[in-house]
PDB file of N, CA and C in Angstrom:
ATOM      1  N   MET A   1     121.177 328.228 246.873  1.00  0.00           N
ATOM      2  CA  MET A   1     122.438 327.610 246.556  1.00  0.00           C
ATOM      3  C   MET A   1     123.544 327.954 246.517  1.00  0.00           C
ATOM      4  N   GLN A   2     123.371 329.348 246.434  1.00  0.00           N
ATOM      5  CA  GLN A   2     124.663 330.311 246.663  1.00  0.00           C
ATOM      6  C   GLN A   2     125.434 330.226 247.761  1.00  0.00           C
ATOM      7  N   GLU A   3     124.570 330.132 249.056  1.00  0.00           N
ATOM      8  CA  GLU A   3     124.938 330.020 250.501  1.00  0.00           C
ATOM      9  C   GLU A   3     125.925 329.073 250.560  1.00  0.00           C
ATOM     10  N   PHE A   4     125.674 327.594 249.954  1.00  0.00           N
ATOM     11  CA  PHE A   4     126.625 326.450 249.951  1.00  0.00           C
ATOM     12  C   PHE A   4     128.093 327.065 249.442  1.00  0.00           C
ATOM     13  N   VAL A   5     127.838 327.664 248.010  1.00  0.00           N
ATOM     14  CA  VAL A   5     129.511 328.143 247.371  1.00  0.00           C
ATOM     15  C   VAL A   5     130.198 329.215 248.326  1.00  0.00           C
ATOM     16  N   GLU A   6     129.535 329.885 248.918  1.00  0.00           N
ATOM     17  CA  GLU A   6     129.577 330.891 249.498  1.00  0.00           C
ATOM     18  C   GLU A   6     130.345 330.203 250.894  1.00  0.00           C
ATOM     19  N   ALA A   7     130.068 329.079 251.280  1.00  0.00           N
ATOM     20  CA  ALA A   7     130.291 328.084 252.881  1.00  0.00           C
ATOM     21  C   ALA A   7     131.867 327.411 252.248  1.00  0.00           C
ATOM     22  N   GLY A   8     132.057 327.565 251.231  1.00  0.00           N
ATOM     23  CA  GLY A   8     132.912 326.606 250.239  1.00  0.00           C
ATOM     24  C   GLY A   8     132.845 325.151 249.565  1.00  0.00           C
ATOM     25  N   ALA A   9     131.470 325.263 249.428  1.00  0.00           N
ATOM     26  CA  ALA A   9     131.159 323.946 248.134  1.00  0.00           C
ATOM     27  C   ALA A   9     131.903 324.120 246.828  1.00  0.00           C
ATOM     28  N   ASP A  10     132.258 322.959 246.524  1.00  0.00           N
ATOM     29  CA  ASP A  10     132.866 322.741 245.291  1.00  0.00           C
ATOM     30  C   ASP A  10     132.094 322.221 244.194  1.00  0.00           C
ATOM     31  N   ILE A  11     131.151 321.539 244.849  1.00  0.00           N
ATOM     32  CA  ILE A  11     130.202 320.592 243.806  1.00  0.00           C
ATOM     33  C   ILE A  11     128.904 320.501 244.564  1.00  0.00           C
ATOM     34  N   ILE A  12     127.648 320.818 243.809  1.00  0.00           N
ATOM     35  CA  ILE A  12     126.201 321.016 244.218  1.00  0.00           C
ATOM     36  C   ILE A  12     125.718 319.889 243.555  1.00  0.00           C
ATOM     37  N   LEU A  13     124.696 319.109 244.457  1.00  0.00           N
ATOM     38  CA  LEU A  13     124.050 318.032 243.785  1.00  0.00           C
ATOM     39  C   LEU A  13     122.745 318.714 244.057  1.00  0.00           C
ATOM     40  N   LEU A  14     122.064 317.697 242.575  1.00  0.00           N
ATOM     41  CA  LEU A  14     121.063 318.507 242.090  1.00  0.00           C
ATOM     42  C   LEU A  14     120.506 317.068 241.741  1.00  0.00           C
ATOM     43  N   PRO A  15     118.767 317.004 242.434  1.00  0.00           N
ATOM     44  CA  PRO A  15     118.277 315.521 241.548  1.00  0.00           C
ATOM     45  C   PRO A  15     118.174 315.497 240.290  1.00  0.00           C
ATOM     46  N   ALA A  16     118.438 314.104 239.584  1.00  0.00           N
ATOM     47  CA  ALA A  16     118.122 314.017 238.241  1.00  0.00           C
ATOM     48  C   ALA A  16     116.742 314.463 237.897  1.00  0.00           C
ATOM     49  N   PRO A  17     116.632 314.864 236.591  1.00  0.00           N
ATOM     50  CA  PRO A  17     115.365 315.192 236.217  1.00  0.00           C
ATOM     51  C   PRO A  17     114.569 314.099 236.104  1.00  0.00           C
ATOM     52  N   GLY A  18     113.286 314.118 236.446  1.00  0.00           N
ATOM     53  CA  GLY A  18     112.153 313.008 236.362  1.00  0.00           C
ATOM     54  C   GLY A  18     112.476 312.185 237.663  1.00  0.00           C
ATOM     55  N   THR A  19     113.539 312.500 238.692  1.00  0.00           N
ATOM     56  CA  THR A  19     113.403 311.681 239.746  1.00  0.00           C
ATOM     57  C   THR A  19     112.714 311.981 241.108  1.00  0.00           C
ATOM     58  N   VAL A  20     112.333 313.433 241.063  1.00  0.00           N
ATOM     59  CA  VAL A  20     111.664 313.661 242.183  1.00  0.00           C
ATOM     60  C   VAL A  20     110.522 315.066 241.441  1.00  0.00           C
ATOM     61  N   PRO A  21     109.031 314.594 242.023  1.00  0.00           N
ATOM     62  CA  PRO A  21     108.102 315.386 241.515  1.00  0.00           C
ATOM     63  C   PRO A  21     108.274 317.025 241.221  1.00  0.00           C
ATOM     64  N   GLY A  22     107.898 317.195 239.803  1.00  0.00           N
ATOM     65  CA  GLY A  22     108.031 318.510 239.425  1.00  0.00           C
ATOM     66  C   GLY A  22     109.639 319.091 238.991  1.00  0.00           C
ATOM     67  N   ILE A  23     110.676 317.964 239.261  1.00  0.00           N
ATOM     68  CA  ILE A  23     112.201 318.358 238.826  1.00  0.00           C
ATOM     69  C   ILE A  23     112.295 318.124 237.214  1.00  0.00           C
ATOM     70  N   THR A  24     112.068 319.316 236.239  1.00  0.00           N
ATOM     71  CA  THR A  24     112.157 318.984 234.906  1.00  0.00           C
ATOM     72  C   THR A  24     113.811 319.179 234.303  1.00  0.00           C
ATOM     73  N   MET A  25     114.031 318.695 233.149  1.00  0.00           N
ATOM     74  CA  MET A  25     115.358 318.882 232.989  1.00  0.00           C
ATOM     75  C   MET A  25     115.595 320.407 232.739  1.00  0.00           C
ATOM     76  N   GLU A  26     114.228 321.146 232.048  1.00  0.00           N
ATOM     77  CA  GLU A  26     114.918 322.699 232.021  1.00  0.00           C
ATOM     78  C   GLU A  26     114.789 323.469 233.623  1.00  0.00           C
ATOM     79  N   TYR A  27     114.116 322.596 234.421  1.00  0.00           N
ATOM     80  CA  TYR A  27     114.655 323.558 236.018  1.00  0.00           C
ATOM     81  C   TYR A  27     116.035 323.188 236.424  1.00  0.00           C
ATOM     82  N   VAL A  28     116.423 321.737 235.996  1.00  0.00           N
ATOM     83  CA  VAL A  28     117.681 321.283 236.354  1.00  0.00           C
ATOM     84  C   VAL A  28     118.722 322.323 235.758  1.00  0.00           C
ATOM     85  N   ARG A  29     118.462 322.231 234.158  1.00  0.00           N
ATOM     86  CA  ARG A  29     119.465 323.239 233.416  1.00  0.00           C
ATOM     87  C   ARG A  29     119.658 324.507 233.780  1.00  0.00           C
ATOM     88  N   GLU A  30     118.473 325.150 234.353  1.00  0.00           N
ATOM     89  CA  GLU A  30     118.769 326.694 234.876  1.00  0.00           C
ATOM     90  C   GLU A  30     119.634 326.487 236.346  1.00  0.00           C
ATOM     91  N   LEU A  31     119.258 325.644 236.863  1.00  0.00           N
ATOM     92  CA  LEU A  31     120.076 325.363 238.438  1.00  0.00           C
ATOM     93  C   LEU A  31     121.863 325.141 237.639  1.00  0.00           C
ATOM     94  N   VAL A  32     121.825 324.351 236.891  1.00  0.00           N
ATOM     95  CA  VAL A  32     123.404 323.620 236.918  1.00  0.00           C
ATOM     96  C   VAL A  32     123.657 325.235 236.049  1.00  0.00           C
ATOM     97  N   THR A  33     123.296 325.790 235.035  1.00  0.00           N
ATOM     98  CA  THR A  33     123.641 327.190 234.580  1.00  0.00           C
ATOM     99  C   THR A  33     124.287 328.013 235.535  1.00  0.00           C
ATOM    100  N   PHE A  34     123.184 328.431 236.630  1.00  0.00           N
ATOM    101  CA  PHE A  34     123.425 329.421 237.489  1.00  0.00           C
ATOM    102  C   PHE A  34     124.527 329.047 238.466  1.00  0.00           C
ATOM    103  N   GLU A  35     124.909 327.672 238.976  1.00  0.00           N
ATOM    104  CA  GLU A  35     126.110 327.053 239.669  1.00  0.00           C
ATOM    105  C   GLU A  35     126.979 327.333 238.732  1.00  0.00           C
ATOM    106  N   HIS A  36     127.306 327.162 237.551  1.00  0.00           N
ATOM    107  CA  HIS A  36     128.766 327.133 236.596  1.00  0.00           C
ATOM    108  C   HIS A  36     128.867 328.767 236.510  1.00  0.00           C
ATOM    109  N   SER A  37     127.927 329.491 236.863  1.00  0.00           N
ATOM    110  CA  SER A  37     128.184 330.968 236.905  1.00  0.00           C
ATOM    111  C   SER A  37     128.990 331.625 238.080  1.00  0.00           C
ATOM    112  N   LEU A  38     128.816 330.549 239.138  1.00  0.00           N
ATOM    113  CA  LEU A  38     129.159 330.926 240.346  1.00  0.00           C
ATOM    114  C   LEU A  38     130.725 329.901 240.684  1.00  0.00           C
ATOM    115  N   GLY A  39     130.931 329.349 239.530  1.00  0.00           N
ATOM    116  CA  GLY A  39     131.978 328.659 239.471  1.00  0.00           C
ATOM    117  C   GLY A  39     132.515 327.213 240.260  1.00  0.00           C
ATOM    118  N   VAL A  40     131.390 326.643 240.146  1.00  0.00           N
ATOM    119  CA  VAL A  40     131.345 325.224 240.870  1.00  0.00           C
ATOM    120  C   VAL A  40     130.876 324.093 239.720  1.00  0.00           C
ATOM    121  N   LEU A  41     131.314 322.948 240.087  1.00  0.00           N
ATOM    122  CA  LEU A  41     130.919 321.871 239.484  1.00  0.00           C
ATOM    123  C   LEU A  41     129.350 321.467 239.978  1.00  0.00           C
ATOM    124  N   THR A  42     128.278 320.669 239.317  1.00  0.00           N
ATOM    125  CA  THR A  42     127.094 320.106 239.375  1.00  0.00           C
ATOM    126  C   THR A  42     127.235 318.736 239.394  1.00  0.00           C
ATOM    127  N   MET A  43     126.350 318.162 240.024  1.00  0.00           N
ATOM    128  CA  MET A  43     126.280 316.674 240.075  1.00  0.00           C
ATOM    129  C   MET A  43     124.722 316.401 240.165  1.00  0.00           C
ATOM    130  N   THR A  44     124.111 315.666 238.935  1.00  0.00           N
ATOM    131  CA  THR A  44     122.656 315.054 238.982  1.00  0.00           C
ATOM    132  C   THR A  44     122.551 313.824 239.589  1.00  0.00           C
ATOM    133  N   SER A  45     122.037 313.475 240.437  1.00  0.00           N
ATOM    134  CA  SER A  45     121.952 312.404 241.141  1.00  0.00           C
ATOM    135  C   SER A  45     120.387 311.867 241.145  1.00  0.00           C
ATOM    136  N   ILE A  46     120.572 310.309 240.793  1.00  0.00           N
ATOM    137  CA  ILE A  46     119.669 309.665 241.162  1.00  0.00           C
ATOM    138  C   ILE A  46     119.515 308.888 242.387  1.00  0.00           C
ATOM    139  N   GLY A  47     118.901 309.108 243.364  1.00  0.00           N
ATOM    140  CA  GLY A  47     119.085 309.110 244.353  1.00  0.00           C
ATOM    141  C   GLY A  47     117.563 308.293 245.376  1.00  0.00           C
ATOM    142  N   THR A  48     116.144 308.270 244.275  1.00  0.00           N
ATOM    143  CA  THR A  48     115.395 308.248 244.821  1.00  0.00           C
ATOM    144  C   THR A  48     114.702 306.509 244.141  1.00  0.00           C
ATOM    145  N   SER A  49     115.146 305.609 244.309  1.00  0.00           N
ATOM    146  CA  SER A  49     115.113 304.055 243.875  1.00  0.00           C
ATOM    147  C   SER A  49     114.485 304.203 242.290  1.00  0.00           C
ATOM    148  N   GLN A  50     114.811 305.013 241.580  1.00  0.00           N
ATOM    149  CA  GLN A  50     114.633 304.978 240.013  1.00  0.00           C
ATOM    150  C   GLN A  50     116.053 304.086 239.687  1.00  0.00           C
ATOM    151  N   GLU A  51     116.965 304.112 240.237  1.00  0.00           N
ATOM    152  CA  GLU A  51     118.333 303.248 239.874  1.00  0.00           C
ATOM    153  C   GLU A  51     117.927 301.652 239.946  1.00  0.00           C
ATOM    154  N   GLY A  52     116.689 301.394 240.527  1.00  0.00           N
ATOM    155  CA  GLY A  52     116.279 300.097 240.044  1.00  0.00           C
ATOM    156  C   GLY A  52     115.066 299.799 239.108  1.00  0.00           C
ATOM    157  N   ALA A  53     115.064 301.108 238.143  1.00  0.00           N
ATOM    158  CA  ALA A  53     114.157 300.626 237.556  1.00  0.00           C
ATOM    159  C   ALA A  53     114.497 300.387 236.183  1.00  0.00           C
ATOM    160  N   GLY A  54     113.598 299.997 235.143  1.00  0.00           N
ATOM    161  CA  GLY A  54     114.240 299.035 233.796  1.00  0.00           C
ATOM    162  C   GLY A  54     114.972 300.287 233.160  1.00  0.00           C
ATOM    163  N   THR A  55     115.989 299.819 232.217  1.00  0.00           N
ATOM    164  CA  THR A  55     117.019 300.264 231.374  1.00  0.00           C
ATOM    165  C   THR A  55     116.410 301.163 230.782  1.00  0.00           C
ATOM    166  N   ALA A  56     115.171 301.198 229.989  1.00  0.00           N
ATOM    167  CA  ALA A  56     114.899 302.325 229.382  1.00  0.00           C
ATOM    168  C   ALA A  56     114.313 303.490 230.234  1.00  0.00           C
ATOM    169  N   THR A  57     113.972 303.643 231.432  1.00  0.00           N
ATOM    170  CA  THR A  57     113.648 304.469 232.535  1.00  0.00           C
ATOM    171  C   THR A  57     115.120 305.258 232.657  1.00  0.00           C
ATOM    172  N   ILE A  58     115.982 304.310 232.682  1.00  0.00           N
ATOM    173  CA  ILE A  58     117.745 304.471 233.191  1.00  0.00           C
ATOM    174  C   ILE A  58     118.480 305.313 231.923  1.00  0.00           C
ATOM    175  N   ARG A  59     118.311 304.789 230.887  1.00  0.00           N
ATOM    176  CA  ARG A  59     118.554 305.760 229.762  1.00  0.00           C
ATOM    177  C   ARG A  59     117.987 306.783 229.526  1.00  0.00           C
ATOM    178  N   GLN A  60     116.660 307.107 229.450  1.00  0.00           N
ATOM    179  CA  GLN A  60     116.035 308.495 229.468  1.00  0.00           C
ATOM    180  C   GLN A  60     116.402 309.504 230.615  1.00  0.00           C
ATOM    181  N   ILE A  61     116.605 308.671 231.876  1.00  0.00           N
ATOM    182  CA  ILE A  61     117.208 309.835 233.141  1.00  0.00           C
ATOM    183  C   ILE A  61     118.443 310.357 232.508  1.00  0.00           C
ATOM    184  N   ALA A  62     119.331 309.393 232.067  1.00  0.00           N
ATOM    185  CA  ALA A  62     120.698 309.856 231.734  1.00  0.00           C
ATOM    186  C   ALA A  62     120.778 310.625 230.883  1.00  0.00           C
ATOM    187  N   LEU A  63     120.153 310.612 229.662  1.00  0.00           N
ATOM    188  CA  LEU A  63     119.941 311.705 228.523  1.00  0.00           C
ATOM    189  C   LEU A  63     119.609 313.119 228.759  1.00  0.00           C
ATOM    190  N   MET A  64     118.999 312.889 230.225  1.00  0.00           N
ATOM    191  CA  MET A  64     117.804 314.282 230.474  1.00  0.00           C
ATOM    192  C   MET A  64     119.099 315.037 230.970  1.00  0.00           C
ATOM    193  N   CYS A  65     119.676 314.017 232.369  1.00  0.00           N
ATOM    194  CA  CYS A  65     121.131 314.530 232.947  1.00  0.00           C
ATOM    195  C   CYS A  65     122.319 315.376 232.012  1.00  0.00           C
ATOM    196  N   LYS A  66     122.500 314.415 231.086  1.00  0.00           N
ATOM    197  CA  LYS A  66     123.250 314.903 230.275  1.00  0.00           C
ATOM    198  C   LYS A  66     123.161 316.166 229.471  1.00  0.00           C
ATOM    199  N   MET A  67     121.742 316.180 228.943  1.00  0.00           N
ATOM    200  CA  MET A  67     121.316 317.675 228.423  1.00  0.00           C
ATOM    201  C   MET A  67     121.240 318.957 229.301  1.00  0.00           C
ATOM    202  N   THR A  68     121.312 318.398 230.442  1.00  0.00           N
ATOM    203  CA  THR A  68     121.297 319.560 231.784  1.00  0.00           C
ATOM    204  C   THR A  68     122.640 320.242 231.896  1.00  0.00           C
ATOM    205  N   GLY A  69     123.675 319.607 231.142  1.00  0.00           N
ATOM    206  CA  GLY A  69     124.982 320.125 231.463  1.00  0.00           C
ATOM    207  C   GLY A  69     125.792 319.792 232.897  1.00  0.00           C
ATOM    208  N   ALA A  70     125.059 318.751 233.460  1.00  0.00           N
ATOM    209  CA  ALA A  70     125.926 318.489 234.565  1.00  0.00           C
ATOM    210  C   ALA A  70     127.385 317.942 234.197  1.00  0.00           C
ATOM    211  N   ASP A  71     128.049 318.424 235.175  1.00  0.00           N
ATOM    212  CA  ASP A  71     129.401 317.785 235.123  1.00  0.00           C
ATOM    213  C   ASP A  71     129.754 316.464 235.650  1.00  0.00           C
ATOM    214  N   ILE A  72     128.986 315.598 236.935  1.00  0.00           N
ATOM    215  CA  ILE A  72     129.021 314.592 237.307  1.00  0.00           C
ATOM    216  C   ILE A  72     128.093 313.866 237.108  1.00  0.00           C
ATOM    217  N   HIS A  73     127.770 312.646 237.017  1.00  0.00           N
ATOM    218  CA  HIS A  73     126.469 311.991 236.961  1.00  0.00           C
ATOM    219  C   HIS A  73     126.359 310.879 238.076  1.00  0.00           C
ATOM    220  N   HIS A  74     125.623 310.965 239.029  1.00  0.00           N
ATOM    221  CA  HIS A  74     125.336 309.701 240.251  1.00  0.00           C
ATOM    222  C   HIS A  74     124.437 308.620 239.924  1.00  0.00           C
ATOM    223  N   ILE A  75     124.665 307.715 240.090  1.00  0.00           N
ATOM    224  CA  ILE A  75     123.494 306.844 240.275  1.00  0.00           C
ATOM    225  C   ILE A  75     123.467 306.087 241.691  1.00  0.00           C
ATOM    226  N   GLY A  76     122.281 306.147 242.124  1.00  0.00           N
ATOM    227  CA  GLY A  76     122.575 305.561 243.631  1.00  0.00           C
ATOM    228  C   GLY A  76     122.503 303.770 243.786  1.00  0.00           C
ATOM    229  N   ASP A  77     122.277 303.313 244.926  1.00  0.00           N
ATOM    230  CA  ASP A  77     122.742 302.398 245.257  1.00  0.00           C
ATOM    231  C   ASP A  77     121.313 301.195 245.965  1.00  0.00           C
ATOM    232  N   THR A  78     120.318 301.936 245.618  1.00  0.00           N
ATOM    233  CA  THR A  78     119.248 300.637 245.472  1.00  0.00           C
ATOM    234  C   THR A  78     119.011 299.697 244.609  1.00  0.00           C
ATOM    235  N   GLY A  79     119.294 298.588 244.961  1.00  0.00           N
ATOM    236  CA  GLY A  79     119.437 297.312 244.377  1.00  0.00           C
ATOM    237  C   GLY A  79     119.792 296.004 245.275  1.00  0.00           C
ATOM    238  N   TYR A  80     119.859 294.839 244.698  1.00  0.00           N
ATOM    239  CA  TYR A  80     119.746 293.633 245.469  1.00  0.00           C
ATOM    240  C   TYR A  80     120.691 293.828 246.203  1.00  0.00           C
ATOM    241  N   PRO A  81     121.949 293.760 246.381  1.00  0.00           N
ATOM    242  CA  PRO A  81     123.065 294.187 247.605  1.00  0.00           C
ATOM    243  C   PRO A  81     123.292 295.579 247.920  1.00  0.00           C
ATOM    244  N   ARG A  82     122.305 296.367 247.776  1.00  0.00           N
ATOM    245  CA  ARG A  82     122.599 298.154 248.207  1.00  0.00           C
ATOM    246  C   ARG A  82     123.691 298.365 247.238  1.00  0.00           C
ATOM    247  N   VAL A  83     123.283 297.833 245.656  1.00  0.00           N
ATOM    248  CA  VAL A  83     124.599 298.456 244.648  1.00  0.00           C
ATOM    249  C   VAL A  83     123.480 298.770 243.382  1.00  0.00           C
ATOM    250  N   ALA A  84     123.408 299.530 242.879  1.00  0.00           N
ATOM    251  CA  ALA A  84     122.645 299.674 241.367  1.00  0.00           C
ATOM    252  C   ALA A  84     122.937 298.522 240.628  1.00  0.00           C
ATOM    253  N   ILE A  85     121.522 297.759 240.082  1.00  0.00           N
ATOM    254  CA  ILE A  85     121.744 296.933 239.380  1.00  0.00           C
ATOM    255  C   ILE A  85     122.724 297.228 238.071  1.00  0.00           C
ATOM    256  N   SER A  86     123.501 296.299 237.532  1.00  0.00           N
ATOM    257  CA  SER A  86     124.269 296.219 236.761  1.00  0.00           C
ATOM    258  C   SER A  86     124.254 296.649 235.553  1.00  0.00           C
ATOM    259  N   GLU A  87     123.082 296.220 234.901  1.00  0.00           N
ATOM    260  CA  GLU A  87     122.574 296.385 233.970  1.00  0.00           C
ATOM    261  C   GLU A  87     121.970 298.211 233.574  1.00  0.00           C
ATOM    262  N   ASN A  88     121.730 298.628 234.843  1.00  0.00           N
ATOM    263  CA  ASN A  88     121.448 299.887 234.653  1.00  0.00           C
ATOM    264  C   ASN A  88     122.729 300.513 234.698  1.00  0.00           C
ATOM    265  N   ILE A  89     123.786 300.243 235.181  1.00  0.00           N
ATOM    266  CA  ILE A  89     125.240 301.118 235.185  1.00  0.00           C
ATOM    267  C   ILE A  89     125.591 301.132 233.701  1.00  0.00           C
ATOM    268  N   MET A  90     125.252 299.848 233.186  1.00  0.00           N
ATOM    269  CA  MET A  90     125.887 299.861 231.839  1.00  0.00           C
ATOM    270  C   MET A  90     124.933 300.789 230.921  1.00  0.00           C
ATOM    271  N   ALA A  91     123.682 300.562 231.095  1.00  0.00           N
ATOM    272  CA  ALA A  91     122.779 301.209 230.290  1.00  0.00           C
ATOM    273  C   ALA A  91     123.066 302.847 230.379  1.00  0.00           C
ATOM    274  N   TYR A  92     123.157 303.414 231.592  1.00  0.00           N
ATOM    275  CA  TYR A  92     123.552 304.806 231.869  1.00  0.00           C
ATOM    276  C   TYR A  92     124.763 305.103 231.203  1.00  0.00           C
ATOM    277  N   SER A  93     125.740 304.551 231.229  1.00  0.00           N
ATOM    278  CA  SER A  93     127.146 304.619 230.772  1.00  0.00           C
ATOM    279  C   SER A  93     126.954 304.769 229.383  1.00  0.00           C
ATOM    280  N   ILE A  94     126.643 303.795 228.590  1.00  0.00           N
ATOM    281  CA  ILE A  94     126.677 303.764 227.233  1.00  0.00           C
ATOM    282  C   ILE A  94     125.499 304.910 226.892  1.00  0.00           C
ATOM    283  N   ALA A  95     124.278 305.189 227.503  1.00  0.00           N
ATOM    284  CA  ALA A  95     123.737 306.495 226.956  1.00  0.00           C
ATOM    285  C   ALA A  95     124.470 307.654 227.037  1.00  0.00           C
ATOM    286  N   ILE A  96     125.377 307.675 228.144  1.00  0.00           N
ATOM    287  CA  ILE A  96     126.015 309.089 227.945  1.00  0.00           C
ATOM    288  C   ILE A  96     127.453 309.235 227.275  1.00  0.00           C
ATOM    289  N   ARG A  97     127.981 307.860 227.192  1.00  0.00           N
ATOM    290  CA  ARG A  97     129.015 308.126 226.561  1.00  0.00           C
ATOM    291  C   ARG A  97     129.539 307.238 225.278  1.00  0.00           C
ATOM    292  N   GLY A  98     128.705 306.049 225.208  1.00  0.00           N
ATOM    293  CA  GLY A  98     128.804 305.404 224.056  1.00  0.00           C
ATOM    294  C   GLY A  98     129.144 304.056 224.305  1.00  0.00           C
ATOM    295  N   VAL A  99     129.202 302.919 223.495  1.00  0.00           N
ATOM    296  CA  VAL A  99     129.594 301.638 223.791  1.00  0.00           C
ATOM    297  C   VAL A  99     131.145 301.671 224.050  1.00  0.00           C
ATOM    298  N   ARG A 100     131.784 301.919 222.771  1.00  0.00           N
ATOM    299  CA  ARG A 100     133.249 302.214 222.712  1.00  0.00           C
ATOM    300  C   ARG A 100     134.036 302.662 223.810  1.00  0.00           C
ATOM    301  N   HIS A 101     133.628 303.998 224.297  1.00  0.00           N
ATOM    302  CA  HIS A 101     133.958 304.311 225.667  1.00  0.00           C
ATOM    303  C   HIS A 101     133.548 303.790 226.744  1.00  0.00           C
ATOM    304  N   THR A 102     132.556 303.282 226.915  1.00  0.00           N
ATOM    305  CA  THR A 102     132.155 302.591 228.415  1.00  0.00           C
ATOM    306  C   THR A 102     133.200 300.843 228.269  1.00  0.00           C
ATOM    307  N   TYR A 103     133.204 300.465 226.914  1.00  0.00           N
ATOM    308  CA  TYR A 103     133.942 299.535 227.234  1.00  0.00           C
ATOM    309  C   TYR A 103     135.484 299.320 227.560  1.00  0.00           C
ATOM    310  N   HIS A 104     135.989 300.648 226.755  1.00  0.00           N
ATOM    311  CA  HIS A 104     137.474 301.087 227.023  1.00  0.00           C
ATOM    312  C   HIS A 104     137.623 301.581 228.781  1.00  0.00           C
ATOM    313  N   ARG A 105     136.625 302.006 229.266  1.00  0.00           N
ATOM    314  CA  ARG A 105     136.738 302.359 230.628  1.00  0.00           C
ATOM    315  C   ARG A 105     136.803 301.375 231.551  1.00  0.00           C
ATOM    316  N   MET A 106     135.851 300.434 231.122  1.00  0.00           N
ATOM    317  CA  MET A 106     135.631 299.196 231.829  1.00  0.00           C
ATOM    318  C   MET A 106     136.933 298.195 231.859  1.00  0.00           C
ATOM    319  N   ALA A 107     137.910 298.217 230.657  1.00  0.00           N
ATOM    320  CA  ALA A 107     138.825 297.560 230.534  1.00  0.00           C
ATOM    321  C   ALA A 107     140.177 298.287 230.875  1.00  0.00           C
ATOM    322  N   ALA A 108     140.274 299.494 231.212  1.00  0.00           N
ATOM    323  CA  ALA A 108     141.537 300.223 231.579  1.00  0.00           C
ATOM    324  C   ALA A 108     141.618 299.734 233.068  1.00  0.00           C
ATOM    325  N   SER A 109     143.135 299.634 233.092  1.00  0.00           N
ATOM    326  CA  SER A 109     143.629 299.319 234.547  1.00  0.00           C
ATOM    327  C   SER A 109     143.455 300.373 235.071  1.00  0.00           C
ATOM    328  N   ILE A 110     143.413 300.295 236.691  1.00  0.00           N
ATOM    329  CA  ILE A 110     143.615 301.512 237.545  1.00  0.00           C
ATOM    330  C   ILE A 110     145.030 301.957 237.711  1.00  0.00           C
ATOM    331  N   ASN A 111     145.683 300.780 237.160  1.00  0.00           N
ATOM    332  CA  ASN A 111     147.407 300.942 237.566  1.00  0.00           C
ATOM    333  C   ASN A 111     147.999 301.453 236.415  1.00  0.00           C
ATOM    334  N   ARG A 112     147.338 302.150 235.439  1.00  0.00           N
ATOM    335  CA  ARG A 112     148.263 302.572 234.341  1.00  0.00           C
ATOM    336  C   ARG A 112     148.829 303.922 234.556  1.00  0.00           C
TER     337      ARG A 112
END
């Protein structure tokens, strides 16, 4: 991954723990720590259809991603109309930010 940074990458995409066989929270945490030492941001991503799983699974993945220290969280687009199921987006957000912050961000105008 150092080659990507040397080539100019600002953000390194990593699989979310539990979404790819063998990708554990501890392993992703090691990668995040390494990438941060190089001065870049990290993004964990659910991109292997788990975004269509039940909300309990989404909450577990979200908390593991937060525990890795990743800077950005991404939930993929496998869903009914090629958008993650809205219940899962909400479950992910509440798991990492809490109810008050999630609702505040939902209600905030983009024109403020």
